[in-house]
N, C-alpha and C. Protein backbone atom coordinates (compact mmCIF):
# COMPACT_ATOMS: atom_id res chain seq x y z
N TRP A 1 100.94 100.17 111.40
CA TRP A 1 102.39 100.11 111.49
C TRP A 1 102.92 99.44 110.27
N GLU A 2 103.93 100.03 109.67
CA GLU A 2 104.47 99.46 108.45
C GLU A 2 105.94 99.13 108.66
N LEU A 3 106.30 97.94 108.25
CA LEU A 3 107.69 97.52 108.29
C LEU A 3 108.40 98.08 107.08
N PRO A 4 109.73 98.21 107.10
CA PRO A 4 110.46 98.75 105.95
C PRO A 4 110.18 97.99 104.65
N SER A 5 109.88 96.71 104.74
CA SER A 5 109.62 95.93 103.53
C SER A 5 108.30 96.29 102.87
N GLY A 6 107.47 97.09 103.54
CA GLY A 6 106.18 97.45 102.99
C GLY A 6 105.08 96.51 103.45
N ARG A 7 105.41 95.54 104.30
CA ARG A 7 104.39 94.62 104.82
C ARG A 7 103.83 95.19 106.12
N PHE A 8 102.61 94.88 106.39
CA PHE A 8 101.95 95.40 107.57
C PHE A 8 102.00 94.37 108.68
N THR A 9 102.16 94.85 109.90
CA THR A 9 102.33 93.95 111.03
C THR A 9 101.04 93.25 111.42
N VAL A 10 99.90 93.82 111.11
CA VAL A 10 98.64 93.17 111.41
C VAL A 10 98.38 92.19 110.28
N PHE A 11 98.50 90.90 110.57
CA PHE A 11 98.41 89.91 109.51
C PHE A 11 97.41 88.85 109.89
N ASN A 12 96.56 88.51 108.97
CA ASN A 12 95.58 87.46 109.17
C ASN A 12 95.78 86.47 108.03
N SER A 13 96.27 85.28 108.35
CA SER A 13 96.61 84.31 107.30
C SER A 13 95.40 83.91 106.46
N SER A 14 94.21 84.03 106.99
CA SER A 14 93.03 83.69 106.20
C SER A 14 92.86 84.65 105.02
N HIS A 15 93.42 85.84 105.13
CA HIS A 15 93.32 86.81 104.03
C HIS A 15 94.09 86.38 102.79
N VAL A 16 95.13 85.59 102.96
CA VAL A 16 95.95 85.18 101.82
C VAL A 16 95.10 84.40 100.81
N GLU A 17 94.35 83.43 101.28
CA GLU A 17 93.51 82.64 100.38
C GLU A 17 92.38 83.46 99.78
N ILE A 18 91.80 84.33 100.60
CA ILE A 18 90.72 85.20 100.09
C ILE A 18 91.27 86.11 99.00
N ALA A 19 92.46 86.69 99.22
CA ALA A 19 93.07 87.58 98.23
C ALA A 19 93.35 86.82 96.93
N ARG A 20 93.86 85.59 97.04
CA ARG A 20 94.10 84.78 95.83
C ARG A 20 92.81 84.55 95.06
N LYS A 21 91.75 84.25 95.79
CA LYS A 21 90.45 84.02 95.16
C LYS A 21 89.97 85.30 94.46
N LEU A 22 90.12 86.43 95.13
CA LEU A 22 89.70 87.71 94.53
C LEU A 22 90.53 88.05 93.29
N ARG A 23 91.82 87.70 93.29
CA ARG A 23 92.65 87.92 92.09
C ARG A 23 92.16 87.07 90.93
N ARG A 24 91.73 85.86 91.22
CA ARG A 24 91.21 84.98 90.16
C ARG A 24 89.84 85.45 89.66
N GLU A 25 89.09 86.13 90.52
CA GLU A 25 87.71 86.50 90.20
C GLU A 25 87.51 88.02 90.14
N MET A 26 88.47 88.72 89.57
CA MET A 26 88.36 90.18 89.47
C MET A 26 87.12 90.57 88.66
N THR A 27 86.58 91.72 88.98
CA THR A 27 85.46 92.25 88.20
C THR A 27 85.99 92.64 86.82
N PRO A 28 85.11 92.79 85.84
CA PRO A 28 85.59 93.22 84.51
C PRO A 28 86.35 94.55 84.57
N GLN A 29 85.91 95.47 85.42
CA GLN A 29 86.57 96.77 85.51
C GLN A 29 87.96 96.63 86.15
N GLU A 30 88.07 95.82 87.20
CA GLU A 30 89.37 95.58 87.82
C GLU A 30 90.31 94.91 86.82
N ARG A 31 89.78 93.93 86.10
CA ARG A 31 90.59 93.20 85.11
C ARG A 31 91.10 94.16 84.04
N HIS A 32 90.24 95.03 83.54
CA HIS A 32 90.61 96.01 82.51
C HIS A 32 91.72 96.92 83.04
N LEU A 33 91.54 97.46 84.22
CA LEU A 33 92.54 98.36 84.80
C LEU A 33 93.86 97.64 85.03
N TRP A 34 93.79 96.42 85.52
CA TRP A 34 95.01 95.66 85.79
C TRP A 34 95.75 95.31 84.51
N TYR A 35 95.09 94.65 83.58
CA TYR A 35 95.78 94.14 82.40
C TYR A 35 96.13 95.23 81.39
N ASP A 36 95.36 96.30 81.37
CA ASP A 36 95.59 97.33 80.36
C ASP A 36 96.31 98.57 80.89
N PHE A 37 96.65 98.57 82.18
CA PHE A 37 97.38 99.72 82.72
C PHE A 37 98.33 99.34 83.86
N MET A 38 97.83 98.82 84.94
CA MET A 38 98.63 98.67 86.16
C MET A 38 99.67 97.55 86.11
N ARG A 39 99.38 96.48 85.44
CA ARG A 39 100.29 95.33 85.45
C ARG A 39 101.68 95.72 84.94
N ASN A 40 101.75 96.57 83.95
CA ASN A 40 103.04 96.98 83.38
C ASN A 40 103.45 98.39 83.78
N TYR A 41 102.83 98.93 84.80
CA TYR A 41 103.19 100.26 85.28
C TYR A 41 104.63 100.21 85.80
N PRO A 42 105.43 101.24 85.58
CA PRO A 42 106.86 101.18 85.95
C PRO A 42 107.12 101.08 87.46
N ILE A 43 106.15 101.37 88.28
CA ILE A 43 106.28 101.23 89.74
C ILE A 43 105.34 100.10 90.15
N LYS A 44 105.82 99.21 90.98
CA LYS A 44 105.07 98.01 91.35
C LYS A 44 103.72 98.37 92.00
N ILE A 45 102.68 97.76 91.47
CA ILE A 45 101.34 97.86 92.03
C ILE A 45 100.87 96.43 92.28
N TYR A 46 100.33 96.21 93.45
CA TYR A 46 99.81 94.89 93.83
C TYR A 46 98.30 94.90 93.66
N ARG A 47 97.75 93.76 93.33
CA ARG A 47 96.29 93.65 93.26
C ARG A 47 95.80 92.76 94.39
N GLN A 48 94.62 93.10 94.89
CA GLN A 48 93.97 92.36 95.97
C GLN A 48 94.97 92.09 97.11
N ARG A 49 95.41 93.16 97.73
CA ARG A 49 96.45 93.12 98.76
C ARG A 49 95.85 93.22 100.16
N PRO A 50 96.17 92.23 101.04
CA PRO A 50 95.71 92.33 102.43
C PRO A 50 96.43 93.45 103.19
N ILE A 51 95.65 94.32 103.80
CA ILE A 51 96.17 95.36 104.68
C ILE A 51 95.23 95.42 105.88
N ASP A 52 95.80 95.24 107.06
CA ASP A 52 95.02 95.19 108.28
C ASP A 52 93.96 94.11 108.10
N ARG A 53 92.70 94.43 108.36
CA ARG A 53 91.65 93.41 108.23
C ARG A 53 90.95 93.46 106.88
N PHE A 54 91.50 94.23 105.96
CA PHE A 54 90.88 94.44 104.65
C PHE A 54 91.72 93.82 103.54
N ILE A 55 91.09 93.69 102.40
CA ILE A 55 91.81 93.37 101.18
C ILE A 55 91.49 94.49 100.20
N VAL A 56 92.50 95.28 99.88
CA VAL A 56 92.28 96.43 99.00
C VAL A 56 92.41 95.98 97.54
N ASP A 57 91.74 96.68 96.65
CA ASP A 57 91.76 96.29 95.23
C ASP A 57 93.16 96.39 94.66
N PHE A 58 93.79 97.56 94.80
CA PHE A 58 95.15 97.77 94.29
C PHE A 58 95.94 98.57 95.31
N TYR A 59 97.25 98.30 95.36
CA TYR A 59 98.09 98.96 96.36
C TYR A 59 99.47 99.23 95.77
N CYS A 60 99.89 100.49 95.82
CA CYS A 60 101.23 100.89 95.42
C CYS A 60 101.98 101.26 96.70
N SER A 61 102.85 100.35 97.15
CA SER A 61 103.52 100.54 98.44
C SER A 61 104.48 101.72 98.40
N LYS A 62 105.19 101.93 97.29
CA LYS A 62 106.14 103.05 97.23
C LYS A 62 105.45 104.40 97.36
N ALA A 63 104.24 104.50 96.84
CA ALA A 63 103.49 105.76 96.90
C ALA A 63 102.53 105.80 98.09
N HIS A 64 102.47 104.71 98.87
CA HIS A 64 101.54 104.63 100.01
C HIS A 64 100.11 104.94 99.54
N LEU A 65 99.73 104.27 98.45
CA LEU A 65 98.46 104.58 97.80
C LEU A 65 97.62 103.32 97.62
N VAL A 66 96.37 103.42 98.03
CA VAL A 66 95.37 102.38 97.81
C VAL A 66 94.41 102.88 96.73
N ILE A 67 94.12 102.02 95.75
CA ILE A 67 93.22 102.37 94.67
C ILE A 67 92.04 101.39 94.73
N GLU A 68 90.85 101.92 94.90
CA GLU A 68 89.66 101.10 95.01
C GLU A 68 88.74 101.32 93.81
N ILE A 69 88.19 100.23 93.31
CA ILE A 69 87.22 100.28 92.22
C ILE A 69 85.88 99.87 92.80
N ASP A 70 84.92 100.77 92.78
CA ASP A 70 83.67 100.56 93.50
C ASP A 70 82.50 100.23 92.60
N GLY A 71 81.83 99.15 92.93
CA GLY A 71 80.57 98.78 92.30
C GLY A 71 79.41 99.47 93.00
N SER A 72 78.21 99.16 92.57
CA SER A 72 77.02 99.85 93.07
C SER A 72 76.80 99.66 94.57
N GLN A 73 77.24 98.53 95.14
CA GLN A 73 77.03 98.28 96.58
C GLN A 73 77.76 99.31 97.44
N HIS A 74 78.76 99.97 96.89
CA HIS A 74 79.50 100.98 97.65
C HIS A 74 78.72 102.29 97.79
N TYR A 75 77.65 102.45 97.03
CA TYR A 75 76.92 103.71 97.03
C TYR A 75 75.60 103.62 97.79
N THR A 76 75.42 102.54 98.54
CA THR A 76 74.28 102.44 99.45
C THR A 76 74.66 103.14 100.75
N THR A 77 73.70 103.39 101.61
CA THR A 77 73.99 104.02 102.90
C THR A 77 74.99 103.18 103.68
N GLU A 78 74.77 101.87 103.72
CA GLU A 78 75.67 100.97 104.45
C GLU A 78 77.06 100.94 103.81
N GLY A 79 77.09 100.89 102.47
CA GLY A 79 78.36 100.84 101.75
C GLY A 79 79.19 102.09 101.97
N LEU A 80 78.55 103.24 101.92
CA LEU A 80 79.26 104.51 102.15
C LEU A 80 79.81 104.58 103.57
N ALA A 81 79.02 104.13 104.54
CA ALA A 81 79.46 104.16 105.94
C ALA A 81 80.65 103.21 106.13
N TYR A 82 80.58 102.01 105.58
CA TYR A 82 81.66 101.03 105.69
C TYR A 82 82.94 101.56 105.04
N ASP A 83 82.81 102.12 103.83
CA ASP A 83 83.98 102.65 103.12
C ASP A 83 84.61 103.81 103.89
N SER A 84 83.81 104.62 104.54
CA SER A 84 84.33 105.73 105.34
C SER A 84 85.18 105.22 106.50
N ILE A 85 84.68 104.21 107.19
CA ILE A 85 85.43 103.62 108.32
C ILE A 85 86.70 102.95 107.79
N ARG A 86 86.57 102.22 106.72
CA ARG A 86 87.71 101.52 106.11
C ARG A 86 88.80 102.51 105.70
N THR A 87 88.41 103.60 105.06
CA THR A 87 89.37 104.63 104.65
C THR A 87 90.05 105.24 105.87
N GLU A 88 89.29 105.52 106.89
CA GLU A 88 89.86 106.09 108.12
C GLU A 88 90.93 105.16 108.71
N ILE A 89 90.66 103.88 108.74
CA ILE A 89 91.63 102.91 109.27
C ILE A 89 92.86 102.86 108.38
N LEU A 90 92.68 102.81 107.08
CA LEU A 90 93.83 102.76 106.16
C LEU A 90 94.67 104.02 106.26
N GLU A 91 94.03 105.16 106.46
CA GLU A 91 94.77 106.43 106.59
C GLU A 91 95.62 106.46 107.85
N LYS A 92 95.27 105.67 108.85
CA LYS A 92 96.11 105.59 110.05
C LYS A 92 97.46 104.96 109.75
N TYR A 93 97.54 104.22 108.66
CA TYR A 93 98.81 103.66 108.18
C TYR A 93 99.55 104.64 107.26
N ARG A 94 99.05 105.86 107.21
CA ARG A 94 99.61 106.90 106.34
C ARG A 94 99.44 106.56 104.87
N LEU A 95 98.34 105.88 104.58
CA LEU A 95 98.00 105.54 103.20
C LEU A 95 96.96 106.53 102.70
N SER A 96 97.02 106.82 101.44
CA SER A 96 95.99 107.61 100.79
C SER A 96 95.10 106.65 100.01
N VAL A 97 93.80 106.90 100.01
CA VAL A 97 92.86 106.04 99.32
C VAL A 97 92.16 106.86 98.24
N ILE A 98 92.22 106.36 97.00
CA ILE A 98 91.45 106.99 95.92
C ILE A 98 90.46 105.95 95.40
N ARG A 99 89.29 106.44 95.01
CA ARG A 99 88.21 105.54 94.58
C ARG A 99 87.69 105.95 93.21
N PHE A 100 87.37 104.92 92.44
CA PHE A 100 86.74 105.13 91.14
C PHE A 100 85.53 104.21 91.04
N ALA A 101 84.46 104.72 90.49
CA ALA A 101 83.28 103.90 90.24
C ALA A 101 83.54 103.02 89.03
N ASN A 102 82.89 101.87 89.00
CA ASN A 102 82.99 101.00 87.82
C ASN A 102 82.69 101.77 86.55
N SER A 103 81.67 102.64 86.62
CA SER A 103 81.27 103.40 85.43
C SER A 103 82.39 104.33 84.95
N GLU A 104 83.23 104.83 85.85
CA GLU A 104 84.35 105.68 85.43
C GLU A 104 85.36 104.87 84.62
N ILE A 105 85.60 103.63 85.03
CA ILE A 105 86.52 102.76 84.29
C ILE A 105 85.95 102.51 82.90
N GLU A 106 84.66 102.27 82.83
CA GLU A 106 84.01 101.96 81.56
C GLU A 106 83.95 103.16 80.62
N LYS A 107 83.66 104.34 81.16
CA LYS A 107 83.40 105.51 80.32
C LYS A 107 84.61 106.41 80.10
N ASN A 108 85.59 106.36 81.03
CA ASN A 108 86.71 107.29 80.95
C ASN A 108 88.01 106.60 81.37
N PHE A 109 88.30 105.48 80.73
CA PHE A 109 89.45 104.66 81.12
C PHE A 109 90.75 105.46 81.08
N GLN A 110 91.00 106.18 80.01
CA GLN A 110 92.25 106.94 79.89
C GLN A 110 92.34 108.03 80.96
N GLY A 111 91.22 108.66 81.27
CA GLY A 111 91.20 109.68 82.32
C GLY A 111 91.52 109.10 83.69
N VAL A 112 90.97 107.92 83.99
CA VAL A 112 91.25 107.24 85.25
C VAL A 112 92.74 106.90 85.33
N CYS A 113 93.28 106.35 84.25
CA CYS A 113 94.71 106.00 84.22
C CYS A 113 95.57 107.24 84.44
N HIS A 114 95.19 108.34 83.82
CA HIS A 114 95.93 109.60 83.99
C HIS A 114 95.89 110.05 85.45
N LEU A 115 94.73 109.98 86.08
CA LEU A 115 94.61 110.40 87.47
C LEU A 115 95.43 109.50 88.41
N ILE A 116 95.43 108.21 88.16
CA ILE A 116 96.23 107.28 88.98
C ILE A 116 97.71 107.59 88.82
N ASP A 117 98.14 107.77 87.58
CA ASP A 117 99.55 108.09 87.31
C ASP A 117 99.95 109.39 88.00
N LYS A 118 99.11 110.40 87.89
CA LYS A 118 99.37 111.70 88.53
C LYS A 118 99.47 111.56 90.04
N GLU A 119 98.55 110.81 90.64
CA GLU A 119 98.54 110.63 92.09
C GLU A 119 99.79 109.88 92.56
N ILE A 120 100.17 108.85 91.85
CA ILE A 120 101.37 108.10 92.22
C ILE A 120 102.59 109.00 92.16
N LYS A 121 102.74 109.75 91.08
CA LYS A 121 103.90 110.64 90.93
C LYS A 121 103.93 111.72 92.01
N GLU A 122 102.78 112.29 92.33
CA GLU A 122 102.73 113.32 93.38
C GLU A 122 103.09 112.73 94.74
N ARG A 123 102.59 111.55 95.02
CA ARG A 123 102.87 110.92 96.32
C ARG A 123 104.32 110.47 96.41
N LEU A 124 104.89 110.00 95.32
CA LEU A 124 106.31 109.63 95.33
C LEU A 124 107.17 110.86 95.61
N ALA A 125 106.85 111.96 94.98
CA ALA A 125 107.60 113.20 95.22
C ALA A 125 107.48 113.61 96.68
N GLN A 126 106.30 113.46 97.26
CA GLN A 126 106.06 113.81 98.65
C GLN A 126 106.89 112.90 99.58
N TRP A 127 106.92 111.61 99.30
CA TRP A 127 107.64 110.66 100.17
C TRP A 127 109.14 110.76 100.00
N GLU A 128 109.59 111.22 98.83
CA GLU A 128 111.04 111.33 98.60
C GLU A 128 111.62 112.62 99.14
N SER A 129 110.76 113.61 99.40
CA SER A 129 111.29 114.90 99.89
C SER A 129 111.43 114.91 101.40
């Protein structure tokens, strides 16, 4: 359930401190994406945002978009299963989830930025119509 302000009704105050810690300790790939693209993006993007029982890497509330940057632990059997359940729960909030591997940020930074920009613009058009 989403309130008009873009905040979610399921709130766990312990997530606030965890999210702050994660913002201070971003991975090199998250840091690169944030400082070299998302921080100055013309539409507000939040980093390490609590949603439901999760903390997502990046969140664009206007586009209802979650952007995840995945390290190697996400590609194990357990990691894939967890991410599938997590995505399913986030989609119940009418959010779309896109994922990029750390290696994609490292090897194709401009391509990743282009895909994020394209996805945000498409989703904004969808929500405005």
